[in-house]
Amino acid sequence: MEQHPCSDTLDPLFATRDLAKLAFDFAPVGLVVTENRVVRECNQRFCEMFGYPREDLLDQLFAFLYPSEEEFQNLRTRGDKNLSAGNPYWDERVMRRRSGELFWVRVRGHSFTPNTPLGRAVWSFVDLSGSRPYLPLTRREREVYSLLGEGQTSKEIARSLNLSYRTVEVHRARLLKKMGVNNTASLFSSLGNIGGDHVVAQR
């Protein structure tokens, strides 16, 4: 009978580490380990998702995977409060493939260094383009949409983005008009929201 590669004849610690590496490398979602937002390790699915070979991603600042430097700066510390409390963080945002295509992803993160949340962290990325095709929204519209998806009210979004309440309401109204819907719940439905993760914000 063929011996299983993780049989008792192998060092149990080695076998455990080997399986952990296989689980990381071949996980069905993109996985990334970062230090201060610099990619230190990533798995096969993440490379496929963004269209880069692994060697082109390692030791790169995450900024080049965003539609613009400005969007990266606006999003980079959004989860600090959750992560510094030892809690996982998630949101949905638009990112950019090597081809230049913009697409929606669901991001989840966990910090290994809560005192400095972005010091060392692990992140998962799920490609939502199959259920939520990218639509030509402005940067501010994408930001407002993403924060609405986190359950923030217009007043909270205004504080998060350093905008006036009225400006946020204008962006929200434009989102509704572009999608041809009358309320925020219908907005998420029109953009292909995957139910269960969102708490829809009220005005």
N, C-alpha and C. Protein backbone atom coordinates (compact mmCIF):
# COMPACT_ATOMS: atom_id res chain seq x y z
N MET A 1 0.86 -1.20 0.00
CA MET A 1 0.00 0.00 0.00
C MET A 1 0.89 1.24 0.00
N GLU A 2 0.52 2.23 -0.81
CA GLU A 2 1.31 3.46 -0.90
C GLU A 2 1.21 4.23 0.40
N GLN A 3 2.34 4.72 0.86
CA GLN A 3 2.38 5.44 2.12
C GLN A 3 1.98 6.89 1.92
N HIS A 4 1.10 7.39 2.78
CA HIS A 4 0.66 8.78 2.70
C HIS A 4 1.83 9.70 3.06
N PRO A 5 2.02 10.79 2.31
CA PRO A 5 3.17 11.66 2.58
C PRO A 5 3.18 12.26 3.97
N CYS A 6 2.04 12.24 4.66
CA CYS A 6 2.00 12.79 6.02
C CYS A 6 1.81 11.68 7.05
N SER A 7 2.43 10.53 6.78
CA SER A 7 2.30 9.40 7.69
C SER A 7 3.15 9.62 8.93
N ASP A 8 3.04 8.70 9.87
CA ASP A 8 3.76 8.81 11.14
C ASP A 8 5.27 8.71 10.98
N THR A 9 5.74 8.28 9.80
CA THR A 9 7.18 8.17 9.61
C THR A 9 7.83 9.53 9.44
N LEU A 10 7.01 10.56 9.18
CA LEU A 10 7.54 11.91 9.02
C LEU A 10 7.47 12.66 10.34
N ASP A 11 8.33 13.64 10.49
CA ASP A 11 8.30 14.51 11.66
C ASP A 11 6.93 15.20 11.70
N PRO A 12 6.15 15.01 12.79
CA PRO A 12 4.81 15.61 12.86
C PRO A 12 4.83 17.12 12.68
N LEU A 13 5.85 17.80 13.22
CA LEU A 13 5.92 19.25 13.08
C LEU A 13 6.14 19.63 11.63
N PHE A 14 7.01 18.86 10.94
CA PHE A 14 7.26 19.12 9.53
C PHE A 14 5.98 18.92 8.73
N ALA A 15 5.25 17.84 9.02
CA ALA A 15 4.03 17.54 8.29
C ALA A 15 3.00 18.65 8.49
N THR A 16 2.89 19.15 9.72
CA THR A 16 1.94 20.22 10.00
C THR A 16 2.29 21.49 9.24
N ARG A 17 3.58 21.83 9.24
CA ARG A 17 4.01 23.02 8.51
C ARG A 17 3.80 22.86 7.02
N ASP A 18 4.05 21.66 6.51
CA ASP A 18 3.88 21.39 5.09
C ASP A 18 2.41 21.56 4.69
N LEU A 19 1.51 21.03 5.51
CA LEU A 19 0.09 21.15 5.22
C LEU A 19 -0.36 22.61 5.31
N ALA A 20 0.17 23.33 6.29
CA ALA A 20 -0.19 24.74 6.43
C ALA A 20 0.24 25.53 5.20
N LYS A 21 1.41 25.23 4.68
CA LYS A 21 1.89 25.92 3.48
C LYS A 21 1.02 25.57 2.28
N LEU A 22 0.64 24.31 2.15
CA LEU A 22 -0.24 23.91 1.06
C LEU A 22 -1.59 24.61 1.16
N ALA A 23 -2.12 24.70 2.39
CA ALA A 23 -3.40 25.37 2.60
C ALA A 23 -3.32 26.84 2.20
N PHE A 24 -2.21 27.49 2.53
CA PHE A 24 -2.01 28.89 2.17
C PHE A 24 -1.88 29.04 0.66
N ASP A 25 -1.01 28.23 0.07
CA ASP A 25 -0.71 28.38 -1.35
C ASP A 25 -1.91 28.11 -2.25
N PHE A 26 -2.76 27.15 -1.86
CA PHE A 26 -3.84 26.72 -2.74
C PHE A 26 -5.23 27.04 -2.18
N ALA A 27 -5.32 27.98 -1.25
CA ALA A 27 -6.63 28.40 -0.73
C ALA A 27 -7.46 28.98 -1.88
N PRO A 28 -8.78 28.78 -1.85
CA PRO A 28 -9.64 29.27 -2.95
C PRO A 28 -9.87 30.78 -2.92
N VAL A 29 -9.31 31.47 -1.94
CA VAL A 29 -9.39 32.94 -1.89
C VAL A 29 -7.96 33.48 -1.91
N GLY A 30 -7.81 34.74 -2.32
CA GLY A 30 -6.51 35.35 -2.31
C GLY A 30 -6.05 35.63 -0.89
N LEU A 31 -4.83 35.26 -0.53
CA LEU A 31 -4.29 35.49 0.80
C LEU A 31 -2.97 36.26 0.69
N VAL A 32 -2.81 37.24 1.57
CA VAL A 32 -1.62 38.08 1.54
C VAL A 32 -1.16 38.37 2.97
N VAL A 33 0.13 38.30 3.21
CA VAL A 33 0.73 38.73 4.47
C VAL A 33 1.45 40.04 4.20
N THR A 34 1.18 41.06 5.01
CA THR A 34 1.78 42.37 4.79
C THR A 34 2.53 42.87 6.02
N GLU A 35 3.49 43.73 5.78
CA GLU A 35 4.16 44.49 6.82
C GLU A 35 4.10 45.96 6.42
N ASN A 36 3.38 46.74 7.21
CA ASN A 36 3.21 48.16 6.90
C ASN A 36 2.74 48.37 5.46
N ARG A 37 1.78 47.54 5.06
CA ARG A 37 1.12 47.60 3.75
C ARG A 37 2.03 47.20 2.60
N VAL A 38 3.15 46.57 2.91
CA VAL A 38 4.04 46.02 1.89
C VAL A 38 3.79 44.52 1.80
N VAL A 39 3.63 43.99 0.60
CA VAL A 39 3.36 42.57 0.39
C VAL A 39 4.60 41.75 0.71
N ARG A 40 4.51 40.88 1.72
CA ARG A 40 5.64 40.01 2.07
C ARG A 40 5.43 38.58 1.58
N GLU A 41 4.18 38.16 1.46
CA GLU A 41 3.87 36.83 0.95
C GLU A 41 2.46 36.85 0.39
N CYS A 42 2.23 36.06 -0.64
CA CYS A 42 0.88 35.96 -1.22
C CYS A 42 0.73 34.58 -1.84
N ASN A 43 -0.51 34.18 -2.01
CA ASN A 43 -0.75 32.83 -2.54
C ASN A 43 -1.10 32.86 -4.02
N GLN A 44 -1.29 31.69 -4.56
CA GLN A 44 -1.53 31.53 -5.99
C GLN A 44 -2.80 32.23 -6.45
N ARG A 45 -3.87 32.12 -5.67
CA ARG A 45 -5.14 32.73 -6.07
C ARG A 45 -5.04 34.25 -6.13
N PHE A 46 -4.30 34.85 -5.20
CA PHE A 46 -4.12 36.30 -5.22
C PHE A 46 -3.40 36.72 -6.50
N CYS A 47 -2.35 35.98 -6.86
CA CYS A 47 -1.62 36.28 -8.09
C CYS A 47 -2.53 36.19 -9.31
N GLU A 48 -3.34 35.14 -9.37
CA GLU A 48 -4.26 34.97 -10.49
C GLU A 48 -5.29 36.09 -10.55
N MET A 49 -5.79 36.48 -9.37
CA MET A 49 -6.83 37.50 -9.30
C MET A 49 -6.36 38.82 -9.89
N PHE A 50 -5.12 39.19 -9.57
CA PHE A 50 -4.61 40.49 -10.02
C PHE A 50 -3.77 40.40 -11.30
N GLY A 51 -3.45 39.18 -11.72
CA GLY A 51 -2.77 39.01 -13.00
C GLY A 51 -1.27 39.23 -12.97
N TYR A 52 -0.67 39.13 -11.78
CA TYR A 52 0.78 39.33 -11.66
C TYR A 52 1.47 38.03 -11.26
N PRO A 53 2.69 37.81 -11.72
CA PRO A 53 3.48 36.71 -11.14
C PRO A 53 3.87 37.08 -9.72
N ARG A 54 4.09 36.08 -8.89
CA ARG A 54 4.37 36.31 -7.48
C ARG A 54 5.56 37.24 -7.28
N GLU A 55 6.61 37.07 -8.07
CA GLU A 55 7.82 37.87 -7.88
C GLU A 55 7.59 39.37 -8.13
N ASP A 56 6.55 39.70 -8.91
CA ASP A 56 6.24 41.11 -9.16
C ASP A 56 5.42 41.73 -8.04
N LEU A 57 4.88 40.91 -7.15
CA LEU A 57 4.05 41.40 -6.04
C LEU A 57 4.83 41.53 -4.74
N LEU A 58 5.78 40.64 -4.53
CA LEU A 58 6.52 40.64 -3.27
C LEU A 58 7.31 41.92 -3.09
N ASP A 59 7.26 42.44 -1.87
CA ASP A 59 8.00 43.65 -1.46
C ASP A 59 7.49 44.92 -2.14
N GLN A 60 6.27 44.86 -2.66
CA GLN A 60 5.65 46.04 -3.26
C GLN A 60 4.63 46.63 -2.30
N LEU A 61 4.55 47.96 -2.27
CA LEU A 61 3.52 48.63 -1.50
C LEU A 61 2.18 48.39 -2.18
N PHE A 62 1.14 48.14 -1.40
CA PHE A 62 -0.17 47.80 -1.94
C PHE A 62 -0.76 48.87 -2.87
N ALA A 63 -0.21 50.07 -2.82
CA ALA A 63 -0.81 51.19 -3.56
C ALA A 63 -1.00 50.90 -5.04
N PHE A 64 -0.10 50.13 -5.66
CA PHE A 64 -0.18 49.94 -7.11
C PHE A 64 -1.35 49.04 -7.53
N LEU A 65 -2.04 48.42 -6.56
CA LEU A 65 -3.19 47.58 -6.87
C LEU A 65 -4.50 48.35 -6.74
N TYR A 66 -4.43 49.65 -6.49
CA TYR A 66 -5.62 50.48 -6.36
C TYR A 66 -5.80 51.36 -7.59
N PRO A 67 -7.03 51.82 -7.82
CA PRO A 67 -7.27 52.68 -8.99
C PRO A 67 -6.41 53.94 -9.00
N SER A 68 -6.07 54.44 -7.81
CA SER A 68 -5.23 55.64 -7.72
C SER A 68 -4.53 55.68 -6.37
N GLU A 69 -3.46 56.44 -6.29
CA GLU A 69 -2.74 56.63 -5.03
C GLU A 69 -3.66 57.25 -3.98
N GLU A 70 -4.51 58.17 -4.43
CA GLU A 70 -5.41 58.85 -3.50
C GLU A 70 -6.39 57.88 -2.85
N GLU A 71 -6.92 56.94 -3.64
CA GLU A 71 -7.84 55.95 -3.07
C GLU A 71 -7.12 55.05 -2.07
N PHE A 72 -5.88 54.70 -2.38
CA PHE A 72 -5.10 53.89 -1.44
C PHE A 72 -4.93 54.63 -0.12
N GLN A 73 -4.59 55.90 -0.19
CA GLN A 73 -4.39 56.68 1.03
C GLN A 73 -5.68 56.79 1.84
N ASN A 74 -6.81 56.92 1.15
CA ASN A 74 -8.09 57.05 1.85
C ASN A 74 -8.52 55.75 2.51
N LEU A 75 -8.11 54.61 1.94
CA LEU A 75 -8.56 53.31 2.44
C LEU A 75 -7.57 52.66 3.40
N ARG A 76 -6.32 53.09 3.37
CA ARG A 76 -5.24 52.32 4.01
C ARG A 76 -5.40 52.18 5.52
N THR A 77 -6.03 53.16 6.19
CA THR A 77 -6.16 53.07 7.65
C THR A 77 -7.60 52.88 8.10
N ARG A 78 -8.47 52.56 7.16
CA ARG A 78 -9.89 52.48 7.50
C ARG A 78 -10.18 51.44 8.58
N GLY A 79 -9.49 50.32 8.58
CA GLY A 79 -9.78 49.27 9.55
C GLY A 79 -8.98 49.34 10.83
N ASP A 80 -8.22 50.43 11.04
CA ASP A 80 -7.33 50.49 12.19
C ASP A 80 -8.05 50.29 13.52
N LYS A 81 -9.21 50.88 13.67
CA LYS A 81 -9.94 50.79 14.94
C LYS A 81 -10.28 49.34 15.27
N ASN A 82 -10.82 48.61 14.31
CA ASN A 82 -11.16 47.20 14.54
C ASN A 82 -9.90 46.37 14.80
N LEU A 83 -8.90 46.57 13.96
CA LEU A 83 -7.69 45.76 14.06
C LEU A 83 -6.94 46.01 15.36
N SER A 84 -6.91 47.26 15.81
CA SER A 84 -6.20 47.57 17.06
C SER A 84 -6.91 47.01 18.28
N ALA A 85 -8.21 46.70 18.12
CA ALA A 85 -8.95 46.08 19.22
C ALA A 85 -8.84 44.56 19.17
N GLY A 86 -8.06 44.04 18.22
CA GLY A 86 -7.91 42.59 18.10
C GLY A 86 -9.03 41.93 17.33
N ASN A 87 -9.85 42.74 16.65
CA ASN A 87 -10.99 42.21 15.90
C ASN A 87 -10.65 42.14 14.42
N PRO A 88 -11.27 41.21 13.70
CA PRO A 88 -11.08 41.19 12.25
C PRO A 88 -11.79 42.38 11.61
N TYR A 89 -11.39 42.72 10.41
CA TYR A 89 -11.99 43.84 9.69
C TYR A 89 -12.37 43.38 8.29
N TRP A 90 -13.46 43.92 7.76
CA TRP A 90 -13.79 43.62 6.36
C TRP A 90 -14.45 44.82 5.72
N ASP A 91 -14.29 44.91 4.41
CA ASP A 91 -15.04 45.87 3.62
C ASP A 91 -15.04 45.40 2.17
N GLU A 92 -15.68 46.16 1.31
CA GLU A 92 -15.67 45.88 -0.12
C GLU A 92 -15.18 47.13 -0.83
N ARG A 93 -14.30 46.94 -1.80
CA ARG A 93 -13.66 48.08 -2.45
C ARG A 93 -13.33 47.74 -3.90
N VAL A 94 -13.00 48.75 -4.66
CA VAL A 94 -12.60 48.57 -6.06
C VAL A 94 -11.07 48.54 -6.13
N MET A 95 -10.54 47.55 -6.85
CA MET A 95 -9.10 47.44 -7.04
C MET A 95 -8.80 47.25 -8.52
N ARG A 96 -7.52 47.17 -8.86
CA ARG A 96 -7.12 47.18 -10.26
C ARG A 96 -6.24 45.99 -10.60
N ARG A 97 -6.59 45.30 -11.68
CA ARG A 97 -5.78 44.19 -12.15
C ARG A 97 -4.60 44.73 -12.98
N ARG A 98 -3.67 43.85 -13.28
CA ARG A 98 -2.51 44.23 -14.09
C ARG A 98 -2.95 44.77 -15.45
N SER A 99 -4.05 44.25 -15.99
CA SER A 99 -4.56 44.69 -17.29
C SER A 99 -5.15 46.10 -17.26
N GLY A 100 -5.33 46.64 -16.04
CA GLY A 100 -5.98 47.94 -15.90
C GLY A 100 -7.45 47.85 -15.57
N GLU A 101 -8.01 46.63 -15.66
CA GLU A 101 -9.43 46.43 -15.34
C GLU A 101 -9.69 46.71 -13.87
N LEU A 102 -10.74 47.47 -13.59
CA LEU A 102 -11.17 47.72 -12.21
C LEU A 102 -12.22 46.69 -11.83
N PHE A 103 -12.18 46.22 -10.58
CA PHE A 103 -13.13 45.19 -10.16
C PHE A 103 -13.36 45.28 -8.66
N TRP A 104 -14.53 44.81 -8.24
CA TRP A 104 -14.89 44.81 -6.82
C TRP A 104 -14.30 43.59 -6.13
N VAL A 105 -13.77 43.82 -4.91
CA VAL A 105 -13.30 42.71 -4.09
C VAL A 105 -13.85 42.87 -2.67
N ARG A 106 -13.99 41.75 -1.98
CA ARG A 106 -14.29 41.76 -0.55
C ARG A 106 -12.98 41.47 0.18
N VAL A 107 -12.60 42.37 1.08
CA VAL A 107 -11.34 42.27 1.81
C VAL A 107 -11.61 42.01 3.28
N ARG A 108 -10.90 41.05 3.84
CA ARG A 108 -10.96 40.78 5.28
C ARG A 108 -9.54 40.78 5.82
N GLY A 109 -9.36 41.35 7.01
CA GLY A 109 -8.01 41.42 7.55
C GLY A 109 -7.93 41.11 9.02
N HIS A 110 -6.76 40.64 9.45
CA HIS A 110 -6.49 40.38 10.86
C HIS A 110 -5.06 40.82 11.14
N SER A 111 -4.87 41.62 12.21
CA SER A 111 -3.54 42.11 12.56
C SER A 111 -2.88 41.21 13.59
N PHE A 112 -1.58 40.95 13.39
CA PHE A 112 -0.78 40.23 14.37
C PHE A 112 -0.14 41.20 15.36
N THR A 113 -0.25 42.51 15.07
CA THR A 113 0.37 43.54 15.90
C THR A 113 -0.66 44.63 16.21
N PRO A 114 -1.64 44.35 17.08
CA PRO A 114 -2.73 45.30 17.33
C PRO A 114 -2.27 46.70 17.74
N ASN A 115 -1.14 46.80 18.44
CA ASN A 115 -0.66 48.13 18.84
C ASN A 115 -0.26 48.98 17.64
N THR A 116 0.16 48.33 16.57
CA THR A 116 0.42 48.99 15.28
C THR A 116 -0.30 48.15 14.23
N PRO A 117 -1.60 48.40 14.04
CA PRO A 117 -2.48 47.51 13.26
C PRO A 117 -1.94 47.09 11.90
N LEU A 118 -1.24 47.98 11.22
CA LEU A 118 -0.74 47.64 9.89
C LEU A 118 0.71 47.15 9.92
N GLY A 119 1.26 46.99 11.12
CA GLY A 119 2.64 46.51 11.23
C GLY A 119 2.83 45.16 10.58
N ARG A 120 1.97 44.22 10.95
CA ARG A 120 1.99 42.88 10.33
C ARG A 120 0.57 42.34 10.36
N ALA A 121 0.08 41.96 9.19
CA ALA A 121 -1.32 41.53 9.10
C ALA A 121 -1.49 40.51 7.99
N VAL A 122 -2.59 39.77 8.05
CA VAL A 122 -2.95 38.84 6.98
C VAL A 122 -4.30 39.27 6.43
N TRP A 123 -4.45 39.17 5.11
CA TRP A 123 -5.65 39.64 4.42
C TRP A 123 -6.15 38.58 3.46
N SER A 124 -7.47 38.50 3.34
CA SER A 124 -8.06 37.65 2.31
C SER A 124 -8.80 38.53 1.31
N PHE A 125 -8.78 38.10 0.05
CA PHE A 125 -9.43 38.85 -1.04
C PHE A 125 -10.32 37.90 -1.82
N VAL A 126 -11.57 38.30 -2.00
CA VAL A 126 -12.52 37.54 -2.81
C VAL A 126 -12.94 38.40 -3.98
N ASP A 127 -12.80 37.88 -5.18
CA ASP A 127 -13.18 38.59 -6.40
C ASP A 127 -14.70 38.56 -6.54
N LEU A 128 -15.33 39.74 -6.56
CA LEU A 128 -16.79 39.83 -6.66
C LEU A 128 -17.27 40.14 -8.07
N SER A 129 -16.35 40.16 -9.03
CA SER A 129 -16.74 40.60 -10.37
C SER A 129 -17.77 39.70 -11.03
N GLY A 130 -17.84 38.43 -10.61
CA GLY A 130 -18.83 37.54 -11.18
C GLY A 130 -20.26 37.91 -10.80
N SER A 131 -20.43 38.52 -9.62
CA SER A 131 -21.77 38.89 -9.17
C SER A 131 -21.97 40.40 -9.11
N ARG A 132 -20.87 41.16 -9.20
CA ARG A 132 -20.98 42.61 -9.15
C ARG A 132 -20.06 43.23 -10.19
N PRO A 133 -20.53 43.31 -11.43
CA PRO A 133 -19.70 43.92 -12.48
C PRO A 133 -19.35 45.37 -12.11
N TYR A 134 -18.14 45.77 -12.46
CA TYR A 134 -17.73 47.14 -12.17
C TYR A 134 -18.51 48.12 -13.04
N LEU A 135 -19.00 49.18 -12.43
CA LEU A 135 -19.69 50.24 -13.15
C LEU A 135 -18.88 51.51 -13.05
N PRO A 136 -18.97 52.40 -14.04
CA PRO A 136 -18.14 53.61 -14.08
C PRO A 136 -18.55 54.65 -13.05
N LEU A 137 -18.17 54.39 -11.79
CA LEU A 137 -18.43 55.33 -10.71
C LEU A 137 -17.19 56.19 -10.49
N THR A 138 -17.39 57.39 -9.97
CA THR A 138 -16.26 58.23 -9.62
C THR A 138 -15.60 57.68 -8.34
N ARG A 139 -14.39 58.17 -8.05
CA ARG A 139 -13.70 57.73 -6.85
C ARG A 139 -14.55 58.00 -5.61
N ARG A 140 -15.12 59.20 -5.50
CA ARG A 140 -15.93 59.54 -4.33
C ARG A 140 -17.17 58.67 -4.25
N GLU A 141 -17.77 58.36 -5.40
CA GLU A 141 -18.95 57.49 -5.39
C GLU A 141 -18.59 56.10 -4.91
N ARG A 142 -17.42 55.60 -5.31
CA ARG A 142 -16.98 54.28 -4.83
C ARG A 142 -16.75 54.31 -3.33
N GLU A 143 -16.14 55.40 -2.84
CA GLU A 143 -15.86 55.50 -1.41
C GLU A 143 -17.17 55.58 -0.61
N VAL A 144 -18.10 56.38 -1.08
CA VAL A 144 -19.39 56.52 -0.39
C VAL A 144 -20.12 55.18 -0.41
N TYR A 145 -20.11 54.52 -1.57
CA TYR A 145 -20.77 53.22 -1.66
C TYR A 145 -20.17 52.22 -0.67
N SER A 146 -18.83 52.18 -0.63
CA SER A 146 -18.15 51.23 0.25
C SER A 146 -18.50 51.48 1.71
N LEU A 147 -18.55 52.74 2.12
CA LEU A 147 -18.87 53.07 3.51
C LEU A 147 -20.33 52.83 3.82
N LEU A 148 -21.20 53.07 2.86
CA LEU A 148 -22.61 52.70 3.05
C LEU A 148 -22.72 51.20 3.30
N GLY A 149 -21.91 50.43 2.58
CA GLY A 149 -21.92 48.98 2.75
C GLY A 149 -21.47 48.53 4.12
N GLU A 150 -20.66 49.36 4.79
CA GLU A 150 -20.22 49.05 6.15
C GLU A 150 -21.28 49.41 7.18
N GLY A 151 -22.37 50.04 6.74
CA GLY A 151 -23.43 50.42 7.66
C GLY A 151 -23.33 51.84 8.16
N GLN A 152 -22.45 52.65 7.57
CA GLN A 152 -22.30 54.03 8.03
C GLN A 152 -23.43 54.90 7.48
N THR A 153 -23.84 55.86 8.29
CA THR A 153 -24.83 56.84 7.86
C THR A 153 -24.13 57.93 7.06
N SER A 154 -24.91 58.78 6.42
CA SER A 154 -24.32 59.88 5.65
C SER A 154 -23.48 60.79 6.54
N LYS A 155 -23.93 61.03 7.77
CA LYS A 155 -23.16 61.87 8.68
C LYS A 155 -21.83 61.21 9.05
N GLU A 156 -21.85 59.91 9.27
CA GLU A 156 -20.62 59.19 9.60
C GLU A 156 -19.66 59.17 8.41
N ILE A 157 -20.22 59.00 7.21
CA ILE A 157 -19.39 59.01 6.01
C ILE A 157 -18.74 60.37 5.83
N ALA A 158 -19.50 61.42 6.09
CA ALA A 158 -18.96 62.78 5.98
C ALA A 158 -17.74 62.95 6.89
N ARG A 159 -17.83 62.41 8.11
CA ARG A 159 -16.69 62.49 9.02
C ARG A 159 -15.53 61.64 8.53
N SER A 160 -15.82 60.44 8.03
CA SER A 160 -14.77 59.53 7.56
C SER A 160 -13.99 60.11 6.39
N LEU A 161 -14.70 60.78 5.48
CA LEU A 161 -14.08 61.31 4.27
C LEU A 161 -13.75 62.79 4.35
N ASN A 162 -14.02 63.38 5.53
CA ASN A 162 -13.76 64.81 5.72
C ASN A 162 -14.53 65.65 4.70
N LEU A 163 -15.79 65.30 4.52
CA LEU A 163 -16.68 66.02 3.60
C LEU A 163 -17.85 66.58 4.40
N SER A 164 -18.61 67.46 3.78
CA SER A 164 -19.83 67.94 4.41
C SER A 164 -20.92 66.90 4.24
N TYR A 165 -21.89 66.94 5.14
CA TYR A 165 -23.04 66.03 5.04
C TYR A 165 -23.74 66.22 3.70
N ARG A 166 -23.90 67.48 3.28
CA ARG A 166 -24.58 67.76 2.02
C ARG A 166 -23.84 67.14 0.83
N THR A 167 -22.50 67.22 0.85
CA THR A 167 -21.73 66.64 -0.25
C THR A 167 -21.92 65.12 -0.32
N VAL A 168 -21.94 64.47 0.83
CA VAL A 168 -22.16 63.02 0.85
C VAL A 168 -23.55 62.69 0.30
N GLU A 169 -24.53 63.48 0.67
CA GLU A 169 -25.89 63.25 0.17
C GLU A 169 -25.96 63.44 -1.35
N VAL A 170 -25.18 64.38 -1.87
CA VAL A 170 -25.14 64.57 -3.32
C VAL A 170 -24.56 63.33 -4.00
N HIS A 171 -23.46 62.80 -3.45
CA HIS A 171 -22.87 61.58 -4.03
C HIS A 171 -23.83 60.41 -3.90
N ARG A 172 -24.49 60.31 -2.79
CA ARG A 172 -25.45 59.22 -2.59
C ARG A 172 -26.59 59.32 -3.59
N ALA A 173 -27.08 60.53 -3.81
CA ALA A 173 -28.17 60.74 -4.77
C ALA A 173 -27.73 60.38 -6.19
N ARG A 174 -26.48 60.72 -6.53
CA ARG A 174 -25.97 60.38 -7.86
C ARG A 174 -25.86 58.87 -8.04
N LEU A 175 -25.44 58.19 -6.98
CA LEU A 175 -25.38 56.73 -7.04
C LEU A 175 -26.76 56.15 -7.33
N LEU A 176 -27.76 56.63 -6.61
CA LEU A 176 -29.12 56.14 -6.80
C LEU A 176 -29.60 56.43 -8.22
N LYS A 177 -29.29 57.64 -8.72
CA LYS A 177 -29.73 58.02 -10.06
C LYS A 177 -29.07 57.17 -11.13
N LYS A 178 -27.75 56.94 -10.99
CA LYS A 178 -27.03 56.14 -11.97
C LYS A 178 -27.58 54.72 -12.05
N MET A 179 -27.96 54.20 -10.88
CA MET A 179 -28.47 52.83 -10.84
C MET A 179 -29.98 52.75 -11.10
N GLY A 180 -30.63 53.91 -11.16
CA GLY A 180 -32.07 53.93 -11.41
C GLY A 180 -32.89 53.35 -10.29
N VAL A 181 -32.45 53.59 -9.03
CA VAL A 181 -33.16 53.05 -7.86
C VAL A 181 -33.52 54.20 -6.94
N ASN A 182 -34.37 53.90 -5.94
CA ASN A 182 -34.91 54.95 -5.07
C ASN A 182 -34.35 54.95 -3.66
N ASN A 183 -33.66 53.88 -3.25
CA ASN A 183 -33.15 53.82 -1.88
C ASN A 183 -31.87 53.00 -1.83
N THR A 184 -31.21 53.04 -0.68
CA THR A 184 -29.91 52.39 -0.53
C THR A 184 -30.02 50.87 -0.64
N ALA A 185 -31.07 50.29 -0.10
CA ALA A 185 -31.24 48.83 -0.19
C ALA A 185 -31.31 48.40 -1.64
N SER A 186 -32.05 49.15 -2.47
CA SER A 186 -32.15 48.82 -3.90
C SER A 186 -30.82 49.06 -4.60
N LEU A 187 -30.04 50.03 -4.11
CA LEU A 187 -28.73 50.30 -4.69
C LEU A 187 -27.83 49.07 -4.57
N PHE A 188 -27.78 48.48 -3.38
CA PHE A 188 -26.94 47.29 -3.20
C PHE A 188 -27.44 46.13 -4.05
N SER A 189 -28.73 46.01 -4.18
CA SER A 189 -29.30 44.96 -5.00
C SER A 189 -28.89 45.14 -6.46
N SER A 190 -28.94 46.39 -6.94
CA SER A 190 -28.62 46.67 -8.34
C SER A 190 -27.15 46.44 -8.64
N LEU A 191 -26.29 46.61 -7.63
CA LEU A 191 -24.86 46.40 -7.82
C LEU A 191 -24.44 44.97 -7.53
N GLY A 192 -25.42 44.10 -7.28
CA GLY A 192 -25.10 42.70 -7.10
C GLY A 192 -24.64 42.35 -5.72
N ASN A 193 -25.15 43.05 -4.69
CA ASN A 193 -24.73 42.76 -3.32
C ASN A 193 -24.98 41.31 -2.95
N ILE A 194 -23.98 40.69 -2.32
CA ILE A 194 -24.13 39.34 -1.79
C ILE A 194 -24.74 39.43 -0.43
N GLY A 195 -25.94 38.96 -0.26
CA GLY A 195 -26.67 39.13 0.99
C GLY A 195 -25.96 38.52 2.18
N GLY A 196 -26.25 39.10 3.35
CA GLY A 196 -25.75 38.52 4.60
C GLY A 196 -24.61 39.27 5.22
N ASP A 197 -23.85 40.04 4.42
CA ASP A 197 -22.70 40.73 4.97
C ASP A 197 -22.95 42.20 5.23
N HIS A 198 -23.92 42.77 4.57
CA HIS A 198 -24.14 44.20 4.71
C HIS A 198 -25.22 44.53 5.72
N VAL A 199 -24.99 45.58 6.46
CA VAL A 199 -26.03 46.22 7.24
C VAL A 199 -26.26 47.56 6.54
N VAL A 200 -27.38 47.70 5.88
CA VAL A 200 -27.59 48.87 5.04
C VAL A 200 -27.82 50.11 5.89
N ALA A 201 -27.06 51.15 5.57
CA ALA A 201 -27.13 52.38 6.35
C ALA A 201 -28.40 53.15 6.04
N GLN A 202 -28.89 53.83 7.05
CA GLN A 202 -30.01 54.74 6.88
C GLN A 202 -29.48 56.16 6.92
N ARG A 203 -30.20 57.07 6.35
CA ARG A 203 -29.80 58.46 6.35
C ARG A 203 -29.85 59.02 7.75
